[in-house]
Structure formats: structure tokens, C-alpha cells
Amino acid sequence: PETPLAAAAETAERLRALVAAREVETTAGRLAMTLSIGVSGLVTGETDVGAPLARADQALYRAKSGGRNRVELWYSGLSAGMPSSAVDGQPTSEPKLQPMPSVV
């Protein structure tokens, strides 16, 4: 809570990089791991955690479809099913988060 979206994305990126830098020894040999993370935040006035979790899930699916091993931020264009280059597709009557580019 009360973490700016950019700071949350930076923390997620550090975590992603730490996981990617590690290999796990298994009986079948070394195993490299990757991590995809979707980041979202609360819109002013929201009290239910379901909406920001759903937005983070949208960003996670974008990370997976964008090549995996990435951090993606939710922005309003995702909810409208717009391409990733469209960052401002949400009607003005709805709450709006600041559009942010991909971290990776």
C-alpha cells in the first residue's frame, strides 16, 4: 500500500532479475528459472482488492505473451483490449492510472 507504481515495478524487476540469475541443481542437471510479473495499483477511491488484482493479472498475461521473463505494468489500454502501444484507451468517465511503459 501507498507504494508508487514505478517503485513497485522497480521492486518487481529486482525480484525478476534475482530469480533469472539463479540456477537450481536437479538430478537432471541445472535448471534455469524465469519470472513474469504483472504490476498494478489502486485507483483513487477503490477499497476492494479484487479490481487491482484483476488488473495485475491482465498485465501478467501481457508479460507472458510478450516473451515471458518480464515485468509489465497495467495501464488503461489493457482493459479495452487495445494493443500494447495504445496507452490511453480508457474512457475519461472511469478511474485512470498513470500510463507506464514496460520495465523489460
PDB file of N, CA and C in Angstrom:
ATOM      1  N   PRO A   1       0.818  -1.207   0.000  1.00  0.00           N
ATOM      2  CA  PRO A   1       0.000   0.000   0.000  1.00  0.00           C
ATOM      3  C   PRO A   1       0.858   1.266   0.000  1.00  0.00           C
ATOM      4  N   GLU A   2       0.354   2.275  -0.643  1.00  0.00           N
ATOM      5  CA  GLU A   2       0.990   3.579  -0.716  1.00  0.00           C
ATOM      6  C   GLU A   2       2.381   3.544  -1.357  1.00  0.00           C
ATOM      7  N   THR A   3       2.624   2.531  -2.178  1.00  0.00           N
ATOM      8  CA  THR A   3       3.862   2.453  -2.938  1.00  0.00           C
ATOM      9  C   THR A   3       3.570   2.965  -4.342  1.00  0.00           C
ATOM     10  N   PRO A   4       4.319   3.945  -4.820  1.00  0.00           N
ATOM     11  CA  PRO A   4       4.100   4.415  -6.192  1.00  0.00           C
ATOM     12  C   PRO A   4       4.274   3.261  -7.188  1.00  0.00           C
ATOM     13  N   LEU A   5       3.520   3.297  -8.269  1.00  0.00           N
ATOM     14  CA  LEU A   5       3.563   2.234  -9.263  1.00  0.00           C
ATOM     15  C   LEU A   5       4.975   2.014  -9.802  1.00  0.00           C
ATOM     16  N   ALA A   6       5.702   3.086 -10.045  1.00  0.00           N
ATOM     17  CA  ALA A   6       7.070   2.951 -10.562  1.00  0.00           C
ATOM     18  C   ALA A   6       7.970   2.238  -9.557  1.00  0.00           C
ATOM     19  N   ALA A   7       7.815   2.521  -8.268  1.00  0.00           N
ATOM     20  CA  ALA A   7       8.627   1.855  -7.245  1.00  0.00           C
ATOM     21  C   ALA A   7       8.259   0.374  -7.145  1.00  0.00           C
ATOM     22  N   ALA A   8       6.987   0.066  -7.265  1.00  0.00           N
ATOM     23  CA  ALA A   8       6.564  -1.334  -7.251  1.00  0.00           C
ATOM     24  C   ALA A   8       7.139  -2.079  -8.449  1.00  0.00           C
ATOM     25  N   ALA A   9       7.159  -1.424  -9.597  1.00  0.00           N
ATOM     26  CA  ALA A   9       7.723  -2.043 -10.803  1.00  0.00           C
ATOM     27  C   ALA A   9       9.225  -2.266 -10.652  1.00  0.00           C
ATOM     28  N   GLU A  10       9.915  -1.326 -10.045  1.00  0.00           N
ATOM     29  CA  GLU A  10      11.357  -1.485  -9.821  1.00  0.00           C
ATOM     30  C   GLU A  10      11.635  -2.647  -8.884  1.00  0.00           C
ATOM     31  N   THR A  11      10.835  -2.792  -7.836  1.00  0.00           N
ATOM     32  CA  THR A  11      10.988  -3.910  -6.906  1.00  0.00           C
ATOM     33  C   THR A  11      10.717  -5.233  -7.624  1.00  0.00           C
ATOM     34  N   ALA A  12       9.665  -5.269  -8.435  1.00  0.00           N
ATOM     35  CA  ALA A  12       9.342  -6.472  -9.205  1.00  0.00           C
ATOM     36  C   ALA A  12      10.482  -6.823 -10.158  1.00  0.00           C
ATOM     37  N   GLU A  13      11.075  -5.828 -10.769  1.00  0.00           N
ATOM     38  CA  GLU A  13      12.193  -6.072 -11.697  1.00  0.00           C
ATOM     39  C   GLU A  13      13.407  -6.624 -10.956  1.00  0.00           C
ATOM     40  N   ARG A  14      13.693  -6.099  -9.769  1.00  0.00           N
ATOM     41  CA  ARG A  14      14.811  -6.646  -8.982  1.00  0.00           C
ATOM     42  C   ARG A  14      14.562  -8.108  -8.649  1.00  0.00           C
ATOM     43  N   LEU A  15      13.351  -8.439  -8.252  1.00  0.00           N
ATOM     44  CA  LEU A  15      12.995  -9.819  -7.938  1.00  0.00           C
ATOM     45  C   LEU A  15      13.129 -10.703  -9.175  1.00  0.00           C
ATOM     46  N   ARG A  16      12.620 -10.229 -10.317  1.00  0.00           N
ATOM     47  CA  ARG A  16      12.719 -10.988 -11.561  1.00  0.00           C
ATOM     48  C   ARG A  16      14.173 -11.270 -11.924  1.00  0.00           C
ATOM     49  N   ALA A  17      15.018 -10.260 -11.787  1.00  0.00           N
ATOM     50  CA  ALA A  17      16.442 -10.409 -12.123  1.00  0.00           C
ATOM     51  C   ALA A  17      17.135 -11.391 -11.173  1.00  0.00           C
ATOM     52  N   LEU A  18      16.794 -11.341  -9.896  1.00  0.00           N
ATOM     53  CA  LEU A  18      17.379 -12.285  -8.937  1.00  0.00           C
ATOM     54  C   LEU A  18      17.013 -13.724  -9.273  1.00  0.00           C
ATOM     55  N   VAL A  19      15.764 -13.954  -9.611  1.00  0.00           N
ATOM     56  CA  VAL A  19      15.327 -15.305  -9.974  1.00  0.00           C
ATOM     57  C   VAL A  19      16.024 -15.757 -11.250  1.00  0.00           C
ATOM     58  N   ALA A  20      16.107 -14.883 -12.246  1.00  0.00           N
ATOM     59  CA  ALA A  20      16.729 -15.241 -13.522  1.00  0.00           C
ATOM     60  C   ALA A  20      18.225 -15.511 -13.384  1.00  0.00           C
ATOM     61  N   ALA A  21      18.851 -14.903 -12.399  1.00  0.00           N
ATOM     62  CA  ALA A  21      20.299 -15.082 -12.215  1.00  0.00           C
ATOM     63  C   ALA A  21      20.650 -16.395 -11.517  1.00  0.00           C
ATOM     64  N   ARG A  22      19.669 -17.037 -10.926  1.00  0.00           N
ATOM     65  CA  ARG A  22      19.897 -18.282 -10.192  1.00  0.00           C
ATOM     66  C   ARG A  22      19.624 -19.497 -11.068  1.00  0.00           C
ATOM     67  N   GLU A  23      20.383 -20.536 -10.829  1.00  0.00           N
ATOM     68  CA  GLU A  23      20.095 -21.836 -11.420  1.00  0.00           C
ATOM     69  C   GLU A  23      19.949 -22.822 -10.287  1.00  0.00           C
ATOM     70  N   VAL A  24      19.075 -23.795 -10.497  1.00  0.00           N
ATOM     71  CA  VAL A  24      18.819 -24.805  -9.487  1.00  0.00           C
ATOM     72  C   VAL A  24      19.410 -26.116  -9.974  1.00  0.00           C
ATOM     73  N   GLU A  25      20.141 -26.777  -9.096  1.00  0.00           N
ATOM     74  CA  GLU A  25      20.721 -28.084  -9.427  1.00  0.00           C
ATOM     75  C   GLU A  25      19.657 -29.152  -9.196  1.00  0.00           C
ATOM     76  N   THR A  26      19.390 -29.947 -10.226  1.00  0.00           N
ATOM     77  CA  THR A  26      18.435 -31.049 -10.114  1.00  0.00           C
ATOM     78  C   THR A  26      19.122 -32.348 -10.523  1.00  0.00           C
ATOM     79  N   THR A  27      18.448 -33.462 -10.340  1.00  0.00           N
ATOM     80  CA  THR A  27      19.026 -34.748 -10.761  1.00  0.00           C
ATOM     81  C   THR A  27      19.188 -34.808 -12.271  1.00  0.00           C
ATOM     82  N   ALA A  28      18.430 -33.999 -12.999  1.00  0.00           N
ATOM     83  CA  ALA A  28      18.532 -33.948 -14.454  1.00  0.00           C
ATOM     84  C   ALA A  28      19.522 -32.889 -14.930  1.00  0.00           C
ATOM     85  N   GLY A  29      20.139 -32.167 -14.020  1.00  0.00           N
ATOM     86  CA  GLY A  29      21.085 -31.109 -14.374  1.00  0.00           C
ATOM     87  C   GLY A  29      20.622 -29.759 -13.869  1.00  0.00           C
ATOM     88  N   ARG A  30      21.313 -28.727 -14.294  1.00  0.00           N
ATOM     89  CA  ARG A  30      20.975 -27.372 -13.860  1.00  0.00           C
ATOM     90  C   ARG A  30      19.696 -26.908 -14.541  1.00  0.00           C
ATOM     91  N   LEU A  31      18.894 -26.193 -13.776  1.00  0.00           N
ATOM     92  CA  LEU A  31      17.620 -25.684 -14.272  1.00  0.00           C
ATOM     93  C   LEU A  31      17.602 -24.169 -14.115  1.00  0.00           C
ATOM     94  N   ALA A  32      17.438 -23.477 -15.234  1.00  0.00           N
ATOM     95  CA  ALA A  32      17.318 -22.014 -15.197  1.00  0.00           C
ATOM     96  C   ALA A  32      15.849 -21.667 -14.982  1.00  0.00           C
ATOM     97  N   MET A  33      15.595 -20.590 -14.260  1.00  0.00           N
ATOM     98  CA  MET A  33      14.224 -20.160 -13.986  1.00  0.00           C
ATOM     99  C   MET A  33      13.997 -18.759 -14.529  1.00  0.00           C
ATOM    100  N   THR A  34      12.760 -18.484 -14.859  1.00  0.00           N
ATOM    101  CA  THR A  34      12.356 -17.140 -15.253  1.00  0.00           C
ATOM    102  C   THR A  34      11.134 -16.761 -14.436  1.00  0.00           C
ATOM    103  N   LEU A  35      10.817 -15.489 -14.453  1.00  0.00           N
ATOM    104  CA  LEU A  35       9.691 -14.988 -13.686  1.00  0.00           C
ATOM    105  C   LEU A  35       9.012 -13.871 -14.466  1.00  0.00           C
ATOM    106  N   SER A  36       7.710 -13.991 -14.642  1.00  0.00           N
ATOM    107  CA  SER A  36       6.906 -12.930 -15.245  1.00  0.00           C
ATOM    108  C   SER A  36       6.035 -12.332 -14.154  1.00  0.00           C
ATOM    109  N   ILE A  37       5.945 -11.004 -14.114  1.00  0.00           N
ATOM    110  CA  ILE A  37       5.194 -10.320 -13.057  1.00  0.00           C
ATOM    111  C   ILE A  37       4.318  -9.244 -13.683  1.00  0.00           C
ATOM    112  N   GLY A  38       3.074  -9.172 -13.221  1.00  0.00           N
ATOM    113  CA  GLY A  38       2.165  -8.101 -13.598  1.00  0.00           C
ATOM    114  C   GLY A  38       1.997  -7.162 -12.411  1.00  0.00           C
ATOM    115  N   VAL A  39       2.113  -5.863 -12.655  1.00  0.00           N
ATOM    116  CA  VAL A  39       2.039  -4.863 -11.584  1.00  0.00           C
ATOM    117  C   VAL A  39       0.871  -3.917 -11.855  1.00  0.00           C
ATOM    118  N   SER A  40       0.105  -3.638 -10.818  1.00  0.00           N
ATOM    119  CA  SER A  40      -0.986  -2.668 -10.897  1.00  0.00           C
ATOM    120  C   SER A  40      -1.054  -1.941  -9.567  1.00  0.00           C
ATOM    121  N   GLY A  41      -1.914  -0.967  -9.486  1.00  0.00           N
ATOM    122  CA  GLY A  41      -2.094  -0.226  -8.245  1.00  0.00           C
ATOM    123  C   GLY A  41      -3.558   0.068  -8.004  1.00  0.00           C
ATOM    124  N   LEU A  42      -3.834   0.646  -6.875  1.00  0.00           N
ATOM    125  CA  LEU A  42      -5.195   1.059  -6.547  1.00  0.00           C
ATOM    126  C   LEU A  42      -5.533   2.347  -7.285  1.00  0.00           C
ATOM    127  N   VAL A  43      -6.742   2.417  -7.755  1.00  0.00           N
ATOM    128  CA  VAL A  43      -7.270   3.659  -8.303  1.00  0.00           C
ATOM    129  C   VAL A  43      -7.880   4.411  -7.122  1.00  0.00           C
ATOM    130  N   THR A  44      -7.727   5.715  -7.094  1.00  0.00           N
ATOM    131  CA  THR A  44      -8.258   6.520  -6.001  1.00  0.00           C
ATOM    132  C   THR A  44      -9.708   6.153  -5.728  1.00  0.00           C
ATOM    133  N   GLY A  45     -10.000   5.870  -4.450  1.00  0.00           N
ATOM    134  CA  GLY A  45     -11.357   5.532  -4.052  1.00  0.00           C
ATOM    135  C   GLY A  45     -11.651   4.048  -3.998  1.00  0.00           C
ATOM    136  N   GLU A  46     -10.781   3.218  -4.553  1.00  0.00           N
ATOM    137  CA  GLU A  46     -11.011   1.774  -4.513  1.00  0.00           C
ATOM    138  C   GLU A  46     -10.784   1.250  -3.097  1.00  0.00           C
ATOM    139  N   THR A  47     -11.644   0.356  -2.685  1.00  0.00           N
ATOM    140  CA  THR A  47     -11.484  -0.270  -1.371  1.00  0.00           C
ATOM    141  C   THR A  47     -11.411  -1.786  -1.488  1.00  0.00           C
ATOM    142  N   ASP A  48     -11.781  -2.333  -2.636  1.00  0.00           N
ATOM    143  CA  ASP A  48     -11.774  -3.771  -2.863  1.00  0.00           C
ATOM    144  C   ASP A  48     -10.475  -4.172  -3.556  1.00  0.00           C
ATOM    145  N   VAL A  49      -9.820  -5.194  -3.044  1.00  0.00           N
ATOM    146  CA  VAL A  49      -8.555  -5.638  -3.624  1.00  0.00           C
ATOM    147  C   VAL A  49      -8.762  -6.404  -4.930  1.00  0.00           C
ATOM    148  N   GLY A  50      -9.991  -6.810  -5.230  1.00  0.00           N
ATOM    149  CA  GLY A  50     -10.256  -7.586  -6.434  1.00  0.00           C
ATOM    150  C   GLY A  50      -9.932  -6.858  -7.723  1.00  0.00           C
ATOM    151  N   ALA A  51     -10.250  -5.587  -7.806  1.00  0.00           N
ATOM    152  CA  ALA A  51     -10.011  -4.826  -9.041  1.00  0.00           C
ATOM    153  C   ALA A  51      -8.524  -4.671  -9.351  1.00  0.00           C
ATOM    154  N   PRO A  52      -7.688  -4.242  -8.388  1.00  0.00           N
ATOM    155  CA  PRO A  52      -6.263  -4.143  -8.725  1.00  0.00           C
ATOM    156  C   PRO A  52      -5.622  -5.510  -8.994  1.00  0.00           C
ATOM    157  N   LEU A  53      -6.102  -6.561  -8.344  1.00  0.00           N
ATOM    158  CA  LEU A  53      -5.570  -7.904  -8.626  1.00  0.00           C
ATOM    159  C   LEU A  53      -5.938  -8.338 -10.041  1.00  0.00           C
ATOM    160  N   ALA A  54      -7.146  -8.018 -10.471  1.00  0.00           N
ATOM    161  CA  ALA A  54      -7.550  -8.346 -11.842  1.00  0.00           C
ATOM    162  C   ALA A  54      -6.707  -7.581 -12.854  1.00  0.00           C
ATOM    163  N   ARG A  55      -6.397  -6.313 -12.547  1.00  0.00           N
ATOM    164  CA  ARG A  55      -5.547  -5.527 -13.453  1.00  0.00           C
ATOM    165  C   ARG A  55      -4.131  -6.089 -13.491  1.00  0.00           C
ATOM    166  N   ALA A  56      -3.599  -6.483 -12.338  1.00  0.00           N
ATOM    167  CA  ALA A  56      -2.263  -7.085 -12.301  1.00  0.00           C
ATOM    168  C   ALA A  56      -2.252  -8.385 -13.098  1.00  0.00           C
ATOM    169  N   ASP A  57      -3.338  -9.136 -13.040  1.00  0.00           N
ATOM    170  CA  ASP A  57      -3.451 -10.374 -13.808  1.00  0.00           C
ATOM    171  C   ASP A  57      -3.420 -10.082 -15.305  1.00  0.00           C
ATOM    172  N   GLN A  58      -4.104  -9.011 -15.734  1.00  0.00           N
ATOM    173  CA  GLN A  58      -4.058  -8.611 -17.147  1.00  0.00           C
ATOM    174  C   GLN A  58      -2.619  -8.301 -17.558  1.00  0.00           C
ATOM    175  N   ALA A  59      -1.904  -7.575 -16.702  1.00  0.00           N
ATOM    176  CA  ALA A  59      -0.511  -7.236 -17.004  1.00  0.00           C
ATOM    177  C   ALA A  59       0.356  -8.491 -17.030  1.00  0.00           C
ATOM    178  N   LEU A  60       0.080  -9.447 -16.139  1.00  0.00           N
ATOM    179  CA  LEU A  60       0.834 -10.705 -16.128  1.00  0.00           C
ATOM    180  C   LEU A  60       0.649 -11.454 -17.443  1.00  0.00           C
ATOM    181  N   TYR A  61      -0.575 -11.548 -17.930  1.00  0.00           N
ATOM    182  CA  TYR A  61      -0.807 -12.221 -19.203  1.00  0.00           C
ATOM    183  C   TYR A  61      -0.106 -11.491 -20.346  1.00  0.00           C
ATOM    184  N   ARG A  62      -0.034 -10.181 -20.264  1.00  0.00           N
ATOM    185  CA  ARG A  62       0.709  -9.414 -21.277  1.00  0.00           C
ATOM    186  C   ARG A  62       2.194  -9.746 -21.202  1.00  0.00           C
ATOM    187  N   ALA A  63       2.714  -9.892 -19.982  1.00  0.00           N
ATOM    188  CA  ALA A  63       4.125 -10.257 -19.820  1.00  0.00           C
ATOM    189  C   ALA A  63       4.390 -11.629 -20.429  1.00  0.00           C
ATOM    190  N   LYS A  64       3.496 -12.559 -20.183  1.00  0.00           N
ATOM    191  CA  LYS A  64       3.672 -13.910 -20.728  1.00  0.00           C
ATOM    192  C   LYS A  64       3.581 -13.901 -22.248  1.00  0.00           C
ATOM    193  N   SER A  65       2.643 -13.162 -22.800  1.00  0.00           N
ATOM    194  CA  SER A  65       2.503 -13.130 -24.254  1.00  0.00           C
ATOM    195  C   SER A  65       3.605 -12.301 -24.909  1.00  0.00           C
ATOM    196  N   GLY A  66       4.264 -11.441 -24.140  1.00  0.00           N
ATOM    197  CA  GLY A  66       5.340 -10.606 -24.672  1.00  0.00           C
ATOM    198  C   GLY A  66       6.707 -11.274 -24.646  1.00  0.00           C
ATOM    199  N   GLY A  67       6.765 -12.531 -24.256  1.00  0.00           N
ATOM    200  CA  GLY A  67       8.032 -13.245 -24.289  1.00  0.00           C
ATOM    201  C   GLY A  67       8.448 -13.817 -22.951  1.00  0.00           C
ATOM    202  N   ARG A  68       7.669 -13.629 -21.921  1.00  0.00           N
ATOM    203  CA  ARG A  68       7.953 -14.134 -20.577  1.00  0.00           C
ATOM    204  C   ARG A  68       9.218 -13.501 -20.002  1.00  0.00           C
ATOM    205  N   ASN A  69       9.492 -13.816 -18.730  1.00  0.00           N
ATOM    206  CA  ASN A  69      10.646 -13.267 -18.021  1.00  0.00           C
ATOM    207  C   ASN A  69      10.675 -11.746 -18.117  1.00  0.00           C
ATOM    208  N   ARG A  70       9.521 -11.139 -17.806  1.00  0.00           N
ATOM    209  CA  ARG A  70       9.363  -9.688 -17.910  1.00  0.00           C
ATOM    210  C   ARG A  70       8.493  -9.167 -16.781  1.00  0.00           C
ATOM    211  N   VAL A  71       8.562  -7.871 -16.567  1.00  0.00           N
ATOM    212  CA  VAL A  71       7.661  -7.155 -15.677  1.00  0.00           C
ATOM    213  C   VAL A  71       6.830  -6.232 -16.555  1.00  0.00           C
ATOM    214  N   GLU A  72       5.525  -6.324 -16.412  1.00  0.00           N
ATOM    215  CA  GLU A  72       4.622  -5.457 -17.177  1.00  0.00           C
ATOM    216  C   GLU A  72       3.737  -4.692 -16.210  1.00  0.00           C
ATOM    217  N   LEU A  73       3.483  -3.444 -16.531  1.00  0.00           N
ATOM    218  CA  LEU A  73       2.600  -2.603 -15.735  1.00  0.00           C
ATOM    219  C   LEU A  73       1.234  -2.536 -16.391  1.00  0.00           C
ATOM    220  N   TRP A  74       0.196  -2.538 -15.574  1.00  0.00           N
ATOM    221  CA  TRP A  74      -1.154  -2.347 -16.090  1.00  0.00           C
ATOM    222  C   TRP A  74      -1.322  -0.891 -16.473  1.00  0.00           C
ATOM    223  N   TYR A  75      -2.001  -0.663 -17.563  1.00  0.00           N
ATOM    224  CA  TYR A  75      -2.417   0.684 -17.929  1.00  0.00           C
ATOM    225  C   TYR A  75      -3.788   0.575 -18.557  1.00  0.00           C
ATOM    226  N   SER A  76      -4.469   1.671 -18.724  1.00  0.00           N
ATOM    227  CA  SER A  76      -5.880   1.664 -19.110  1.00  0.00           C
ATOM    228  C   SER A  76      -6.149   0.971 -20.437  1.00  0.00           C
ATOM    229  N   GLY A  77      -5.239   0.999 -21.382  1.00  0.00           N
ATOM    230  CA  GLY A  77      -5.452   0.360 -22.678  1.00  0.00           C
ATOM    231  C   GLY A  77      -5.579  -1.146 -22.592  1.00  0.00           C
ATOM    232  N   LEU A  78      -5.012  -1.762 -21.562  1.00  0.00           N
ATOM    233  CA  LEU A  78      -5.114  -3.214 -21.422  1.00  0.00           C
ATOM    234  C   LEU A  78      -6.553  -3.644 -21.212  1.00  0.00           C
ATOM    235  N   SER A  79      -7.309  -2.892 -20.423  1.00  0.00           N
ATOM    236  CA  SER A  79      -8.679  -3.283 -20.122  1.00  0.00           C
ATOM    237  C   SER A  79      -9.582  -3.176 -21.342  1.00  0.00           C
ATOM    238  N   ALA A  80      -9.196  -2.368 -22.301  1.00  0.00           N
ATOM    239  CA  ALA A  80     -10.009  -2.191 -23.503  1.00  0.00           C
ATOM    240  C   ALA A  80      -9.595  -3.160 -24.606  1.00  0.00           C
ATOM    241  N   GLY A  81      -8.627  -4.034 -24.328  1.00  0.00           N
ATOM    242  CA  GLY A  81      -8.154  -4.986 -25.313  1.00  0.00           C
ATOM    243  C   GLY A  81      -7.373  -4.330 -26.433  1.00  0.00           C
ATOM    244  N   MET A  82      -6.759  -3.206 -26.158  1.00  0.00           N
ATOM    245  CA  MET A  82      -6.019  -2.471 -27.172  1.00  0.00           C
ATOM    246  C   MET A  82      -4.596  -2.999 -27.262  1.00  0.00           C
ATOM    247  N   PRO A  83      -3.926  -2.794 -28.379  1.00  0.00           N
ATOM    248  CA  PRO A  83      -2.539  -3.240 -28.494  1.00  0.00           C
ATOM    249  C   PRO A  83      -1.648  -2.542 -27.474  1.00  0.00           C
ATOM    250  N   SER A  84      -0.504  -3.161 -27.193  1.00  0.00           N
ATOM    251  CA  SER A  84       0.367  -2.648 -26.142  1.00  0.00           C
ATOM    252  C   SER A  84       0.888  -1.248 -26.422  1.00  0.00           C
ATOM    253  N   SER A  85       0.868  -0.814 -27.673  1.00  0.00           N
ATOM    254  CA  SER A  85       1.345   0.538 -27.971  1.00  0.00           C
ATOM    255  C   SER A  85       0.293   1.600 -27.650  1.00  0.00           C
ATOM    256  N   ALA A  86      -0.957   1.183 -27.428  1.00  0.00           N
ATOM    257  CA  ALA A  86      -2.018   2.144 -27.103  1.00  0.00           C
ATOM    258  C   ALA A  86      -2.101   2.271 -25.594  1.00  0.00           C
ATOM    259  N   VAL A  87      -1.684   3.399 -25.052  1.00  0.00           N
ATOM    260  CA  VAL A  87      -1.599   3.533 -23.602  1.00  0.00           C
ATOM    261  C   VAL A  87      -2.697   4.394 -23.001  1.00  0.00           C
ATOM    262  N   ASP A  88      -3.621   4.867 -23.804  1.00  0.00           N
ATOM    263  CA  ASP A  88      -4.625   5.751 -23.234  1.00  0.00           C
ATOM    264  C   ASP A  88      -6.002   5.474 -23.848  1.00  0.00           C
ATOM    265  N   GLY A  89      -6.478   4.241 -23.714  1.00  0.00           N
ATOM    266  CA  GLY A  89      -7.722   3.882 -24.360  1.00  0.00           C
ATOM    267  C   GLY A  89      -8.936   3.880 -23.475  1.00  0.00           C
ATOM    268  N   GLN A  90      -8.795   4.201 -22.210  1.00  0.00           N
ATOM    269  CA  GLN A  90      -9.920   4.126 -21.280  1.00  0.00           C
ATOM    270  C   GLN A  90     -10.765   5.392 -21.341  1.00  0.00           C
ATOM    271  N   PRO A  91     -12.094   5.230 -21.340  1.00  0.00           N
ATOM    272  CA  PRO A  91     -12.953   6.422 -21.333  1.00  0.00           C
ATOM    273  C   PRO A  91     -12.662   7.307 -20.124  1.00  0.00           C
ATOM    274  N   THR A  92     -12.822   8.597 -20.291  1.00  0.00           N
ATOM    275  CA  THR A  92     -12.491   9.533 -19.223  1.00  0.00           C
ATOM    276  C   THR A  92     -13.425   9.434 -18.031  1.00  0.00           C
ATOM    277  N   SER A  93     -14.588   8.796 -18.173  1.00  0.00           N
ATOM    278  CA  SER A  93     -15.518   8.685 -17.052  1.00  0.00           C
ATOM    279  C   SER A  93     -15.072   7.634 -16.032  1.00  0.00           C
ATOM    280  N   GLU A  94     -14.130   6.776 -16.386  1.00  0.00           N
ATOM    281  CA  GLU A  94     -13.650   5.735 -15.487  1.00  0.00           C
ATOM    282  C   GLU A  94     -12.376   6.192 -14.781  1.00  0.00           C
ATOM    283  N   PRO A  95     -12.084   5.617 -13.598  1.00  0.00           N
ATOM    284  CA  PRO A  95     -10.837   5.941 -12.913  1.00  0.00           C
ATOM    285  C   PRO A  95      -9.654   5.609 -13.815  1.00  0.00           C
ATOM    286  N   LYS A  96      -8.572   6.332 -13.661  1.00  0.00           N
ATOM    287  CA  LYS A  96      -7.439   6.179 -14.556  1.00  0.00           C
ATOM    288  C   LYS A  96      -6.146   6.077 -13.773  1.00  0.00           C
ATOM    289  N   LEU A  97      -5.287   5.133 -14.154  1.00  0.00           N
ATOM    290  CA  LEU A  97      -3.936   5.060 -13.611  1.00  0.00           C
ATOM    291  C   LEU A  97      -3.002   5.722 -14.602  1.00  0.00           C
ATOM    292  N   GLN A  98      -1.897   6.195 -14.121  1.00  0.00           N
ATOM    293  CA  GLN A  98      -0.900   6.817 -14.989  1.00  0.00           C
ATOM    294  C   GLN A  98      -0.335   5.770 -15.940  1.00  0.00           C
ATOM    295  N   PRO A  99      -0.394   5.990 -17.262  1.00  0.00           N
ATOM    296  CA  PRO A  99       0.197   5.025 -18.190  1.00  0.00           C
ATOM    297  C   PRO A  99       1.702   4.916 -17.972  1.00  0.00           C
ATOM    298  N   MET A 100       2.199   3.697 -17.968  1.00  0.00           N
ATOM    299  CA  MET A 100       3.623   3.451 -17.775  1.00  0.00           C
ATOM    300  C   MET A 100       4.083   2.435 -18.817  1.00  0.00           C
ATOM    301  N   PRO A 101       5.311   2.537 -19.318  1.00  0.00           N
ATOM    302  CA  PRO A 101       5.823   1.560 -20.279  1.00  0.00           C
ATOM    303  C   PRO A 101       6.261   0.286 -19.579  1.00  0.00           C
ATOM    304  N   SER A 102       6.568  -0.735 -20.343  1.00  0.00           N
ATOM    305  CA  SER A 102       7.103  -1.979 -19.816  1.00  0.00           C
ATOM    306  C   SER A 102       8.442  -1.709 -19.155  1.00  0.00           C
ATOM    307  N   VAL A 103       8.752  -2.480 -18.118  1.00  0.00           N
ATOM    308  CA  VAL A 103      10.044  -2.355 -17.448  1.00  0.00           C
ATOM    309  C   VAL A 103      11.096  -3.104 -18.231  1.00  0.00           C
ATOM    310  N   VAL A 104      10.749  -4.276 -18.775  1.00  0.00           N
ATOM    311  CA  VAL A 104      11.700  -5.081 -19.538  1.00  0.00           C
ATOM    312  C   VAL A 104      11.227  -5.157 -20.952  1.00  0.00           C
TER     313      VAL A 104
END
